[in-house]
PDB file of N, CA and C in Angstrom:
ATOM      1  N   UNK A   1      -8.828 -22.062 -22.538  1.00  0.00           N
ATOM      2  CA  UNK A   1      -8.099 -23.248 -23.042  1.00  0.00           C
ATOM      3  C   UNK A   1      -8.080 -24.300 -21.833  1.00  0.00           C
ATOM      4  N   UNK A   2      -7.848 -23.786 -20.654  1.00  0.00           N
ATOM      5  CA  UNK A   2      -8.178 -24.867 -19.483  1.00  0.00           C
ATOM      6  C   UNK A   2      -9.433 -25.445 -19.496  1.00  0.00           C
ATOM      7  N   UNK A   3     -10.430 -24.611 -19.756  1.00  0.00           N
ATOM      8  CA  UNK A   3     -11.861 -25.205 -19.762  1.00  0.00           C
ATOM      9  C   UNK A   3     -11.995 -26.327 -20.564  1.00  0.00           C
ATOM     10  N   UNK A   4     -11.397 -26.010 -21.702  1.00  0.00           N
ATOM     11  CA  UNK A   4     -11.547 -26.929 -22.956  1.00  0.00           C
ATOM     12  C   UNK A   4     -10.764 -28.463 -22.526  1.00  0.00           C
ATOM     13  N   UNK A   5      -9.662 -28.275 -21.891  1.00  0.00           N
ATOM     14  CA  UNK A   5      -8.926 -29.311 -21.399  1.00  0.00           C
ATOM     15  C   UNK A   5      -9.817 -30.294 -20.540  1.00  0.00           C
ATOM     16  N   UNK A   6     -10.601 -29.379 -19.580  1.00  0.00           N
ATOM     17  CA  UNK A   6     -11.354 -30.092 -18.664  1.00  0.00           C
ATOM     18  C   UNK A   6     -12.480 -30.853 -19.260  1.00  0.00           C
ATOM     19  N   UNK A   7     -12.973 -30.071 -20.376  1.00  0.00           N
ATOM     20  CA  UNK A   7     -14.037 -30.841 -21.083  1.00  0.00           C
ATOM     21  C   UNK A   7     -13.731 -31.925 -21.627  1.00  0.00           C
ATOM     22  N   UNK A   8     -12.654 -31.972 -22.317  1.00  0.00           N
ATOM     23  CA  UNK A   8     -11.847 -33.164 -22.939  1.00  0.00           C
ATOM     24  C   UNK A   8     -11.665 -34.390 -21.816  1.00  0.00           C
ATOM     25  N   UNK A   9     -11.151 -33.948 -20.857  1.00  0.00           N
ATOM     26  CA  UNK A   9     -11.026 -34.959 -19.807  1.00  0.00           C
ATOM     27  C   UNK A   9     -12.318 -35.596 -19.316  1.00  0.00           C
ATOM     28  N   UNK A  10     -13.309 -34.715 -18.940  1.00  0.00           N
ATOM     29  CA  UNK A  10     -14.546 -35.292 -18.549  1.00  0.00           C
ATOM     30  C   UNK A  10     -15.208 -36.255 -19.669  1.00  0.00           C
ATOM     31  N   UNK A  11     -14.916 -35.768 -20.852  1.00  0.00           N
ATOM     32  CA  UNK A  11     -15.535 -36.504 -22.008  1.00  0.00           C
ATOM     33  C   UNK A  11     -14.867 -37.866 -22.187  1.00  0.00           C
ATOM     34  N   UNK A  12     -13.448 -37.884 -21.883  1.00  0.00           N
ATOM     35  CA  UNK A  12     -12.742 -39.096 -22.207  1.00  0.00           C
ATOM     36  C   UNK A  12     -12.843 -40.008 -20.810  1.00  0.00           C
ATOM     37  N   UNK A  13     -13.115 -39.464 -19.895  1.00  0.00           N
ATOM     38  CA  UNK A  13     -13.665 -40.348 -18.554  1.00  0.00           C
ATOM     39  C   UNK A  13     -14.934 -40.981 -18.664  1.00  0.00           C
ATOM     40  N   UNK A  14     -15.834 -40.207 -19.302  1.00  0.00           N
ATOM     41  CA  UNK A  14     -17.259 -40.749 -19.520  1.00  0.00           C
ATOM     42  C   UNK A  14     -17.174 -41.703 -20.529  1.00  0.00           C
ATOM     43  N   UNK A  15     -16.503 -41.382 -21.488  1.00  0.00           N
ATOM     44  CA  UNK A  15     -16.393 -42.338 -22.840  1.00  0.00           C
ATOM     45  C   UNK A  15     -15.628 -43.698 -22.340  1.00  0.00           C
ATOM     46  N   UNK A  16     -14.601 -43.571 -21.373  1.00  0.00           N
ATOM     47  CA  UNK A  16     -14.221 -44.867 -20.969  1.00  0.00           C
ATOM     48  C   UNK A  16     -15.150 -45.568 -20.128  1.00  0.00           C
ATOM     49  N   UNK A  17     -15.827 -45.002 -19.147  1.00  0.00           N
ATOM     50  CA  UNK A  17     -16.669 -45.514 -18.432  1.00  0.00           C
ATOM     51  C   UNK A  17     -17.868 -46.335 -19.327  1.00  0.00           C
ATOM     52  N   UNK A  18     -18.484 -45.770 -20.179  1.00  0.00           N
ATOM     53  CA  UNK A  18     -19.549 -46.152 -21.066  1.00  0.00           C
ATOM     54  C   UNK A  18     -18.878 -47.283 -21.798  1.00  0.00           C
ATOM     55  N   UNK A  19     -17.601 -47.183 -22.357  1.00  0.00           N
ATOM     56  CA  UNK A  19     -17.044 -48.263 -23.054  1.00  0.00           C
ATOM     57  C   UNK A  19     -16.926 -49.529 -22.170  1.00  0.00           C
ATOM     58  N   UNK A  20     -16.452 -49.341 -21.005  1.00  0.00           N
ATOM     59  CA  UNK A  20     -16.401 -50.595 -19.935  1.00  0.00           C
ATOM     60  C   UNK A  20     -17.817 -51.288 -20.025  1.00  0.00           C
ATOM     61  N   UNK A  21     -18.981 -50.383 -19.932  1.00  0.00           N
ATOM     62  CA  UNK A  21     -20.126 -50.948 -19.894  1.00  0.00           C
ATOM     63  C   UNK A  21     -20.741 -51.470 -21.362  1.00  0.00           C
ATOM     64  N   UNK A  22     -19.986 -51.469 -22.233  1.00  0.00           N
ATOM     65  CA  UNK A  22     -20.385 -51.899 -23.641  1.00  0.00           C
ATOM     66  C   UNK A  22     -20.990 -50.904 -24.392  1.00  0.00           C
ATOM     67  N   UNK A  23     -20.838 -49.643 -24.257  1.00  0.00           N
ATOM     68  CA  UNK A  23     -21.571 -48.771 -25.259  1.00  0.00           C
ATOM     69  C   UNK A  23     -20.626 -47.968 -25.713  1.00  0.00           C
ATOM     70  N   UNK A  24     -20.969 -46.738 -26.280  1.00  0.00           N
ATOM     71  CA  UNK A  24     -20.177 -45.719 -26.925  1.00  0.00           C
ATOM     72  C   UNK A  24     -20.750 -44.448 -26.344  1.00  0.00           C
ATOM     73  N   UNK A  25     -20.006 -43.182 -26.498  1.00  0.00           N
ATOM     74  CA  UNK A  25     -20.508 -42.045 -26.034  1.00  0.00           C
ATOM     75  C   UNK A  25     -21.562 -41.514 -27.034  1.00  0.00           C
ATOM     76  N   UNK A  26     -21.365 -41.890 -28.472  1.00  0.00           N
ATOM     77  CA  UNK A  26     -22.391 -41.517 -29.309  1.00  0.00           C
ATOM     78  C   UNK A  26     -23.619 -42.162 -28.826  1.00  0.00           C
ATOM     79  N   UNK A  27     -23.935 -43.420 -28.604  1.00  0.00           N
ATOM     80  CA  UNK A  27     -25.002 -44.079 -28.098  1.00  0.00           C
ATOM     81  C   UNK A  27     -25.562 -43.561 -26.857  1.00  0.00           C
ATOM     82  N   UNK A  28     -24.826 -42.961 -25.877  1.00  0.00           N
ATOM     83  CA  UNK A  28     -25.278 -42.227 -24.633  1.00  0.00           C
ATOM     84  C   UNK A  28     -25.821 -41.090 -25.060  1.00  0.00           C
ATOM     85  N   UNK A  29     -25.219 -40.182 -26.152  1.00  0.00           N
ATOM     86  CA  UNK A  29     -25.777 -38.944 -26.351  1.00  0.00           C
ATOM     87  C   UNK A  29     -27.341 -39.128 -27.056  1.00  0.00           C
ATOM     88  N   UNK A  30     -27.328 -40.367 -27.886  1.00  0.00           N
ATOM     89  CA  UNK A  30     -28.574 -40.465 -28.419  1.00  0.00           C
ATOM     90  C   UNK A  30     -29.531 -40.971 -27.464  1.00  0.00           C
ATOM     91  N   UNK A  31     -29.199 -41.552 -26.493  1.00  0.00           N
ATOM     92  CA  UNK A  31     -30.146 -42.040 -25.463  1.00  0.00           C
ATOM     93  C   UNK A  31     -30.650 -40.826 -24.593  1.00  0.00           C
ATOM     94  N   UNK A  32     -29.802 -39.845 -24.271  1.00  0.00           N
ATOM     95  CA  UNK A  32     -30.334 -38.905 -23.507  1.00  0.00           C
ATOM     96  C   UNK A  32     -30.719 -37.605 -24.410  1.00  0.00           C
ATOM     97  N   UNK A  33     -30.638 -37.899 -25.796  1.00  0.00           N
ATOM     98  CA  UNK A  33     -31.075 -36.932 -26.770  1.00  0.00           C
ATOM     99  C   UNK A  33     -30.664 -35.492 -26.800  1.00  0.00           C
ATOM    100  N   UNK A  34     -29.272 -35.423 -26.806  1.00  0.00           N
ATOM    101  CA  UNK A  34     -28.532 -34.283 -26.733  1.00  0.00           C
ATOM    102  C   UNK A  34     -27.297 -34.464 -27.528  1.00  0.00           C
ATOM    103  N   UNK A  35     -26.699 -33.413 -27.790  1.00  0.00           N
ATOM    104  CA  UNK A  35     -25.552 -33.310 -28.682  1.00  0.00           C
ATOM    105  C   UNK A  35     -24.355 -33.101 -27.680  1.00  0.00           C
ATOM    106  N   UNK A  36     -23.160 -33.425 -28.357  1.00  0.00           N
ATOM    107  CA  UNK A  36     -21.946 -33.259 -27.566  1.00  0.00           C
ATOM    108  C   UNK A  36     -21.718 -31.878 -26.991  1.00  0.00           C
ATOM    109  N   UNK A  37     -22.111 -30.820 -27.968  1.00  0.00           N
ATOM    110  CA  UNK A  37     -22.164 -29.531 -27.371  1.00  0.00           C
ATOM    111  C   UNK A  37     -23.124 -29.077 -26.245  1.00  0.00           C
ATOM    112  N   UNK A  38     -24.336 -29.751 -26.375  1.00  0.00           N
ATOM    113  CA  UNK A  38     -25.438 -29.350 -25.267  1.00  0.00           C
ATOM    114  C   UNK A  38     -24.773 -30.131 -23.979  1.00  0.00           C
ATOM    115  N   UNK A  39     -24.240 -31.148 -24.007  1.00  0.00           N
ATOM    116  CA  UNK A  39     -23.836 -31.654 -22.679  1.00  0.00           C
ATOM    117  C   UNK A  39     -22.382 -30.929 -22.253  1.00  0.00           C
ATOM    118  N   UNK A  40     -21.485 -30.571 -23.086  1.00  0.00           N
ATOM    119  CA  UNK A  40     -20.369 -29.703 -22.633  1.00  0.00           C
ATOM    120  C   UNK A  40     -21.121 -28.336 -22.022  1.00  0.00           C
ATOM    121  N   UNK A  41     -22.154 -27.691 -22.444  1.00  0.00           N
ATOM    122  CA  UNK A  41     -22.603 -26.532 -21.933  1.00  0.00           C
ATOM    123  C   UNK A  41     -23.165 -26.891 -20.470  1.00  0.00           C
ATOM    124  N   UNK A  42     -23.790 -28.043 -20.296  1.00  0.00           N
ATOM    125  CA  UNK A  42     -24.220 -28.574 -18.873  1.00  0.00           C
ATOM    126  C   UNK A  42     -22.996 -28.642 -17.954  1.00  0.00           C
ATOM    127  N   UNK A  43     -21.732 -29.086 -18.467  1.00  0.00           N
ATOM    128  CA  UNK A  43     -20.610 -29.289 -17.755  1.00  0.00           C
ATOM    129  C   UNK A  43     -19.877 -28.073 -17.479  1.00  0.00           C
ATOM    130  N   UNK A  44     -20.114 -26.887 -18.048  1.00  0.00           N
ATOM    131  CA  UNK A  44     -19.523 -25.641 -17.950  1.00  0.00           C
ATOM    132  C   UNK A  44     -19.171 -25.500 -16.497  1.00  0.00           C
ATOM    133  N   UNK A  45     -20.123 -25.371 -15.549  1.00  0.00           N
ATOM    134  CA  UNK A  45     -19.579 -24.928 -14.304  1.00  0.00           C
ATOM    135  C   UNK A  45     -18.612 -26.037 -13.556  1.00  0.00           C
ATOM    136  N   UNK A  46     -18.994 -27.369 -13.912  1.00  0.00           N
ATOM    137  CA  UNK A  46     -18.270 -28.355 -13.384  1.00  0.00           C
ATOM    138  C   UNK A  46     -16.514 -28.273 -13.918  1.00  0.00           C
ATOM    139  N   UNK A  47     -16.639 -27.968 -15.158  1.00  0.00           N
ATOM    140  CA  UNK A  47     -15.178 -27.796 -15.760  1.00  0.00           C
ATOM    141  C   UNK A  47     -14.461 -26.617 -15.245  1.00  0.00           C
ATOM    142  N   UNK A  48     -15.300 -25.442 -14.934  1.00  0.00           N
ATOM    143  CA  UNK A  48     -14.560 -24.482 -14.502  1.00  0.00           C
ATOM    144  C   UNK A  48     -14.132 -24.584 -12.992  1.00  0.00           C
ATOM    145  N   UNK A  49     -14.846 -25.358 -12.098  1.00  0.00           N
ATOM    146  CA  UNK A  49     -14.400 -25.584 -10.892  1.00  0.00           C
ATOM    147  C   UNK A  49     -13.069 -26.452 -10.899  1.00  0.00           C
ATOM    148  N   UNK A  50     -13.195 -27.527 -11.805  1.00  0.00           N
ATOM    149  CA  UNK A  50     -11.999 -28.355 -11.969  1.00  0.00           C
ATOM    150  C   UNK A  50     -10.869 -27.720 -12.403  1.00  0.00           C
ATOM    151  N   UNK A  51     -11.095 -26.682 -13.330  1.00  0.00           N
ATOM    152  CA  UNK A  51      -9.824 -25.835 -13.844  1.00  0.00           C
ATOM    153  C   UNK A  51      -9.381 -24.969 -12.510  1.00  0.00           C
ATOM    154  N   UNK A  52     -10.149 -24.501 -11.712  1.00  0.00           N
ATOM    155  CA  UNK A  52      -9.665 -23.663 -10.554  1.00  0.00           C
ATOM    156  C   UNK A  52      -9.027 -24.624  -9.669  1.00  0.00           C
ATOM    157  N   UNK A  53      -9.442 -25.642  -9.446  1.00  0.00           N
ATOM    158  CA  UNK A  53      -8.792 -26.567  -8.612  1.00  0.00           C
ATOM    159  C   UNK A  53      -7.426 -26.939  -9.084  1.00  0.00           C
ATOM    160  N   UNK A  54      -7.439 -27.340 -10.147  1.00  0.00           N
ATOM    161  CA  UNK A  54      -6.102 -27.684 -10.955  1.00  0.00           C
ATOM    162  C   UNK A  54      -5.176 -26.567 -10.892  1.00  0.00           C
ATOM    163  N   UNK A  55      -5.585 -25.245 -11.016  1.00  0.00           N
ATOM    164  CA  UNK A  55      -4.619 -23.995 -10.960  1.00  0.00           C
ATOM    165  C   UNK A  55      -4.143 -23.946  -9.367  1.00  0.00           C
ATOM    166  N   UNK A  56      -5.015 -23.990  -8.498  1.00  0.00           N
ATOM    167  CA  UNK A  56      -4.727 -23.879  -7.189  1.00  0.00           C
ATOM    168  C   UNK A  56      -3.667 -24.950  -6.718  1.00  0.00           C
ATOM    169  N   UNK A  57      -4.131 -26.087  -6.798  1.00  0.00           N
ATOM    170  CA  UNK A  57      -3.092 -27.362  -6.510  1.00  0.00           C
ATOM    171  C   UNK A  57      -1.751 -27.212  -7.163  1.00  0.00           C
ATOM    172  N   UNK A  58      -1.601 -26.565  -8.484  1.00  0.00           N
ATOM    173  CA  UNK A  58      -0.435 -26.817  -9.128  1.00  0.00           C
ATOM    174  C   UNK A  58       0.456 -25.634  -8.432  1.00  0.00           C
ATOM    175  N   UNK A  59      -0.402 -24.727  -8.155  1.00  0.00           N
ATOM    176  CA  UNK A  59       0.387 -23.377  -7.341  1.00  0.00           C
ATOM    177  C   UNK A  59       0.948 -23.825  -6.105  1.00  0.00           C
ATOM    178  N   UNK A  60       0.183 -24.535  -5.437  1.00  0.00           N
ATOM    179  CA  UNK A  60       0.516 -24.837  -4.088  1.00  0.00           C
ATOM    180  C   UNK A  60       1.822 -25.841  -4.163  1.00  0.00           C
ATOM    181  N   UNK A  61       1.726 -26.856  -5.265  1.00  0.00           N
ATOM    182  CA  UNK A  61       2.806 -27.844  -5.408  1.00  0.00           C
ATOM    183  C   UNK A  61       4.023 -27.190  -5.880  1.00  0.00           C
ATOM    184  N   UNK A  62       3.936 -26.131  -6.632  1.00  0.00           N
ATOM    185  CA  UNK A  62       5.107 -25.362  -7.027  1.00  0.00           C
ATOM    186  C   UNK A  62       5.628 -24.570  -5.976  1.00  0.00           C
ATOM    187  N   UNK A  63       4.864 -23.923  -5.090  1.00  0.00           N
ATOM    188  CA  UNK A  63       5.481 -23.229  -3.785  1.00  0.00           C
ATOM    189  C   UNK A  63       5.991 -24.008  -2.907  1.00  0.00           C
ATOM    190  N   UNK A  64       5.538 -25.283  -2.694  1.00  0.00           N
ATOM    191  CA  UNK A  64       5.818 -26.135  -1.559  1.00  0.00           C
ATOM    192  C   UNK A  64       6.914 -27.211  -2.214  1.00  0.00           C
ATOM    193  N   UNK A  65       7.269 -27.129  -3.561  1.00  0.00           N
ATOM    194  CA  UNK A  65       8.159 -28.054  -4.263  1.00  0.00           C
ATOM    195  C   UNK A  65       7.639 -29.475  -4.021  1.00  0.00           C
ATOM    196  N   UNK A  66       6.309 -29.685  -4.259  1.00  0.00           N
ATOM    197  CA  UNK A  66       5.753 -31.048  -4.154  1.00  0.00           C
ATOM    198  C   UNK A  66       5.755 -31.864  -5.348  1.00  0.00           C
ATOM    199  N   UNK A  67       6.187 -32.877  -5.297  1.00  0.00           N
ATOM    200  CA  UNK A  67       6.431 -33.639  -6.693  1.00  0.00           C
ATOM    201  C   UNK A  67       5.548 -35.071  -6.387  1.00  0.00           C
ATOM    202  N   UNK A  68       5.420 -35.708  -7.734  1.00  0.00           N
ATOM    203  CA  UNK A  68       4.965 -37.116  -7.682  1.00  0.00           C
ATOM    204  C   UNK A  68       6.189 -37.893  -7.296  1.00  0.00           C
ATOM    205  N   UNK A  69       5.629 -39.048  -6.555  1.00  0.00           N
ATOM    206  CA  UNK A  69       6.513 -39.946  -6.064  1.00  0.00           C
ATOM    207  C   UNK A  69       7.134 -40.750  -7.279  1.00  0.00           C
ATOM    208  N   UNK A  70       8.349 -40.842  -7.694  1.00  0.00           N
ATOM    209  CA  UNK A  70       8.741 -41.493  -8.837  1.00  0.00           C
ATOM    210  C   UNK A  70       8.628 -42.862  -8.810  1.00  0.00           C
ATOM    211  N   UNK A  71       8.818 -43.580  -7.760  1.00  0.00           N
ATOM    212  CA  UNK A  71       8.530 -44.983  -7.794  1.00  0.00           C
ATOM    213  C   UNK A  71       7.284 -45.443  -7.987  1.00  0.00           C
ATOM    214  N   UNK A  72       6.211 -44.678  -7.427  1.00  0.00           N
ATOM    215  CA  UNK A  72       4.812 -44.980  -7.557  1.00  0.00           C
ATOM    216  C   UNK A  72       4.489 -44.312  -8.899  1.00  0.00           C
ATOM    217  N   UNK A  73       5.013 -43.390  -9.441  1.00  0.00           N
ATOM    218  CA  UNK A  73       4.771 -42.913 -10.910  1.00  0.00           C
ATOM    219  C   UNK A  73       5.110 -44.007 -11.831  1.00  0.00           C
ATOM    220  N   UNK A  74       6.218 -44.638 -11.626  1.00  0.00           N
ATOM    221  CA  UNK A  74       6.635 -45.762 -12.562  1.00  0.00           C
ATOM    222  C   UNK A  74       5.607 -46.793 -12.539  1.00  0.00           C
ATOM    223  N   UNK A  75       5.271 -47.186 -11.105  1.00  0.00           N
ATOM    224  CA  UNK A  75       4.326 -48.360 -10.927  1.00  0.00           C
ATOM    225  C   UNK A  75       2.957 -48.165 -11.636  1.00  0.00           C
ATOM    226  N   UNK A  76       2.512 -46.934 -11.411  1.00  0.00           N
ATOM    227  CA  UNK A  76       1.301 -46.654 -11.932  1.00  0.00           C
ATOM    228  C   UNK A  76       1.255 -46.409 -13.748  1.00  0.00           C
ATOM    229  N   UNK A  77       2.391 -45.902 -14.177  1.00  0.00           N
ATOM    230  CA  UNK A  77       2.441 -45.931 -15.381  1.00  0.00           C
ATOM    231  C   UNK A  77       2.457 -47.354 -16.124  1.00  0.00           C
ATOM    232  N   UNK A  78       3.103 -48.303 -15.429  1.00  0.00           N
ATOM    233  CA  UNK A  78       3.238 -49.680 -16.038  1.00  0.00           C
ATOM    234  C   UNK A  78       1.940 -50.268 -16.150  1.00  0.00           C
ATOM    235  N   UNK A  79       1.025 -49.997 -15.079  1.00  0.00           N
ATOM    236  CA  UNK A  79      -0.203 -50.400 -14.980  1.00  0.00           C
ATOM    237  C   UNK A  79      -1.240 -49.884 -15.968  1.00  0.00           C
ATOM    238  N   UNK A  80      -0.898 -48.486 -16.141  1.00  0.00           N
ATOM    239  CA  UNK A  80      -1.926 -47.717 -17.152  1.00  0.00           C
ATOM    240  C   UNK A  80      -1.558 -48.130 -18.588  1.00  0.00           C
ATOM    241  N   UNK A  81      -0.420 -48.437 -18.774  1.00  0.00           N
ATOM    242  CA  UNK A  81       0.161 -48.939 -20.242  1.00  0.00           C
ATOM    243  C   UNK A  81      -0.541 -50.404 -20.582  1.00  0.00           C
ATOM    244  N   UNK A  82      -0.725 -50.989 -19.455  1.00  0.00           N
ATOM    245  CA  UNK A  82      -1.637 -52.392 -19.850  1.00  0.00           C
ATOM    246  C   UNK A  82      -3.124 -51.967 -20.173  1.00  0.00           C
ATOM    247  N   UNK A  83      -3.732 -51.247 -19.515  1.00  0.00           N
ATOM    248  CA  UNK A  83      -5.088 -50.681 -19.620  1.00  0.00           C
ATOM    249  C   UNK A  83      -5.390 -49.905 -20.932  1.00  0.00           C
ATOM    250  N   UNK A  84      -4.336 -49.074 -21.282  1.00  0.00           N
ATOM    251  CA  UNK A  84      -4.407 -48.152 -22.317  1.00  0.00           C
ATOM    252  C   UNK A  84      -3.333 -48.287 -23.240  1.00  0.00           C
ATOM    253  N   UNK A  85      -3.152 -49.425 -23.984  1.00  0.00           N
ATOM    254  CA  UNK A  85      -1.907 -49.661 -24.801  1.00  0.00           C
ATOM    255  C   UNK A  85      -1.796 -48.702 -25.914  1.00  0.00           C
ATOM    256  N   UNK A  86      -2.807 -48.031 -26.454  1.00  0.00           N
ATOM    257  CA  UNK A  86      -2.705 -47.128 -27.446  1.00  0.00           C
ATOM    258  C   UNK A  86      -2.427 -45.646 -27.076  1.00  0.00           C
ATOM    259  N   UNK A  87      -2.371 -45.419 -25.888  1.00  0.00           N
ATOM    260  CA  UNK A  87      -2.328 -44.134 -25.123  1.00  0.00           C
ATOM    261  C   UNK A  87      -0.669 -43.601 -25.652  1.00  0.00           C
ATOM    262  N   UNK A  88      -0.693 -42.332 -25.671  1.00  0.00           N
ATOM    263  CA  UNK A  88       0.772 -41.689 -25.935  1.00  0.00           C
ATOM    264  C   UNK A  88       1.409 -42.176 -24.680  1.00  0.00           C
ATOM    265  N   UNK A  89       2.546 -42.536 -24.470  1.00  0.00           N
ATOM    266  CA  UNK A  89       3.378 -42.791 -23.313  1.00  0.00           C
ATOM    267  C   UNK A  89       3.618 -41.221 -22.607  1.00  0.00           C
ATOM    268  N   UNK A  90       3.899 -40.368 -23.445  1.00  0.00           N
ATOM    269  CA  UNK A  90       4.386 -39.157 -22.528  1.00  0.00           C
ATOM    270  C   UNK A  90       3.151 -38.486 -22.091  1.00  0.00           C
ATOM    271  N   UNK A  91       2.077 -38.496 -22.916  1.00  0.00           N
ATOM    272  CA  UNK A  91       0.759 -38.050 -22.293  1.00  0.00           C
ATOM    273  C   UNK A  91       0.170 -38.706 -21.054  1.00  0.00           C
ATOM    274  N   UNK A  92       0.356 -40.015 -21.076  1.00  0.00           N
ATOM    275  CA  UNK A  92      -0.055 -40.750 -20.098  1.00  0.00           C
ATOM    276  C   UNK A  92       0.596 -40.564 -18.771  1.00  0.00           C
ATOM    277  N   UNK A  93       2.008 -40.642 -19.014  1.00  0.00           N
ATOM    278  CA  UNK A  93       2.956 -40.209 -17.784  1.00  0.00           C
ATOM    279  C   UNK A  93       2.732 -38.834 -17.253  1.00  0.00           C
ATOM    280  N   UNK A  94       2.236 -37.974 -18.087  1.00  0.00           N
ATOM    281  CA  UNK A  94       2.071 -36.524 -17.631  1.00  0.00           C
ATOM    282  C   UNK A  94       0.708 -36.592 -16.770  1.00  0.00           C
ATOM    283  N   UNK A  95      -0.281 -37.266 -17.317  1.00  0.00           N
ATOM    284  CA  UNK A  95      -1.402 -37.406 -16.582  1.00  0.00           C
ATOM    285  C   UNK A  95      -1.420 -37.937 -15.430  1.00  0.00           C
ATOM    286  N   UNK A  96      -0.596 -39.060 -15.176  1.00  0.00           N
ATOM    287  CA  UNK A  96      -0.630 -39.706 -14.120  1.00  0.00           C
ATOM    288  C   UNK A  96       0.317 -38.909 -12.886  1.00  0.00           C
ATOM    289  N   UNK A  97       1.427 -38.436 -13.558  1.00  0.00           N
ATOM    290  CA  UNK A  97       2.273 -37.486 -12.543  1.00  0.00           C
ATOM    291  C   UNK A  97       1.340 -36.366 -11.945  1.00  0.00           C
ATOM    292  N   UNK A  98       0.655 -35.735 -12.875  1.00  0.00           N
ATOM    293  CA  UNK A  98      -0.264 -34.797 -12.331  1.00  0.00           C
ATOM    294  C   UNK A  98      -1.215 -35.190 -11.253  1.00  0.00           C
ATOM    295  N   UNK A  99      -1.885 -36.378 -11.469  1.00  0.00           N
ATOM    296  CA  UNK A  99      -2.786 -36.783 -10.491  1.00  0.00           C
ATOM    297  C   UNK A  99      -1.950 -37.258  -9.225  1.00  0.00           C
ATOM    298  N   UNK A 100      -0.852 -37.741  -9.325  1.00  0.00           N
ATOM    299  CA  UNK A 100      -0.083 -38.186  -8.176  1.00  0.00           C
ATOM    300  C   UNK A 100       0.407 -36.964  -7.439  1.00  0.00           C
ATOM    301  N   UNK A 101       0.788 -35.956  -7.977  1.00  0.00           N
ATOM    302  CA  UNK A 101       1.092 -34.786  -7.400  1.00  0.00           C
ATOM    303  C   UNK A 101       0.001 -34.106  -6.792  1.00  0.00           C
ATOM    304  N   UNK A 102      -1.185 -33.921  -7.447  1.00  0.00           N
ATOM    305  CA  UNK A 102      -2.261 -33.542  -6.621  1.00  0.00           C
ATOM    306  C   UNK A 102      -2.643 -34.262  -5.371  1.00  0.00           C
ATOM    307  N   UNK A 103      -2.610 -35.385  -5.585  1.00  0.00           N
ATOM    308  CA  UNK A 103      -2.986 -36.264  -4.217  1.00  0.00           C
ATOM    309  C   UNK A 103      -1.873 -36.072  -3.226  1.00  0.00           C
ATOM    310  N   UNK A 104      -0.520 -35.814  -3.691  1.00  0.00           N
ATOM    311  CA  UNK A 104       0.476 -35.301  -2.667  1.00  0.00           C
ATOM    312  C   UNK A 104       0.094 -34.181  -2.066  1.00  0.00           C
ATOM    313  N   UNK A 105      -0.233 -33.073  -2.778  1.00  0.00           N
ATOM    314  CA  UNK A 105      -0.623 -31.755  -2.352  1.00  0.00           C
ATOM    315  C   UNK A 105      -1.780 -32.022  -1.346  1.00  0.00           C
ATOM    316  N   UNK A 106      -2.806 -32.645  -1.731  1.00  0.00           N
ATOM    317  CA  UNK A 106      -3.926 -32.742  -0.788  1.00  0.00           C
ATOM    318  C   UNK A 106      -3.646 -33.405   0.586  1.00  0.00           C
ATOM    319  N   UNK A 107      -2.834 -34.423   0.368  1.00  0.00           N
ATOM    320  CA  UNK A 107      -2.361 -35.092   1.582  1.00  0.00           C
ATOM    321  C   UNK A 107      -1.323 -34.152   2.548  1.00  0.00           C
ATOM    322  N   UNK A 108      -0.742 -33.328   2.027  1.00  0.00           N
ATOM    323  CA  UNK A 108       0.133 -32.169   2.688  1.00  0.00           C
ATOM    324  C   UNK A 108      -0.817 -31.189   3.337  1.00  0.00           C
ATOM    325  N   UNK A 109      -1.846 -30.751   2.614  1.00  0.00           N
ATOM    326  CA  UNK A 109      -2.918 -29.925   3.274  1.00  0.00           C
ATOM    327  C   UNK A 109      -3.719 -30.499   4.484  1.00  0.00           C
ATOM    328  N   UNK A 110      -3.752 -31.784   4.231  1.00  0.00           N
ATOM    329  CA  UNK A 110      -4.563 -32.470   5.367  1.00  0.00           C
ATOM    330  C   UNK A 110      -3.478 -32.461   6.449  1.00  0.00           C
ATOM    331  N   UNK A 111      -2.304 -32.725   6.235  1.00  0.00           N
ATOM    332  CA  UNK A 111      -1.378 -32.774   7.225  1.00  0.00           C
ATOM    333  C   UNK A 111      -1.309 -31.528   8.107  1.00  0.00           C
ATOM    334  N   UNK A 112      -1.525 -30.463   7.518  1.00  0.00           N
ATOM    335  CA  UNK A 112      -1.566 -29.024   8.224  1.00  0.00           C
ATOM    336  C   UNK A 112      -2.607 -28.885   9.278  1.00  0.00           C
ATOM    337  N   UNK A 113      -3.798 -29.653   8.996  1.00  0.00           N
ATOM    338  CA  UNK A 113      -4.702 -29.596  10.093  1.00  0.00           C
ATOM    339  C   UNK A 113      -4.504 -30.617  11.352  1.00  0.00           C
ATOM    340  N   UNK A 114      -3.591 -31.595  11.023  1.00  0.00           N
ATOM    341  CA  UNK A 114      -3.364 -32.446  12.282  1.00  0.00           C
ATOM    342  C   UNK A 114      -2.693 -31.643  13.457  1.00  0.00           C
TER     343      UNK A 114
END
């Protein structure tokens, strides 16, 4: 389940990057002569690592009570809505909150080394 989430996230990011370049994910697949499933097989190790990191950072955030900064979250959400007007607002907020929380966890971990 978590691996599938990571696959979907990786594909969505790649699709967005390709779209900004003027192409489609399907064109990319045709160019590299692979299917979506073949690409996902290649992504398996990366997806597993991302899932593990997601779980670890989430657990640290829970134990240390680290949350996303609400003011920054609101700001980032407004910017994201402009770039992704069709996105589900709740999903967009959750995604941004998760990313900001992870960023806060990483900063907290770095502060431990100082």
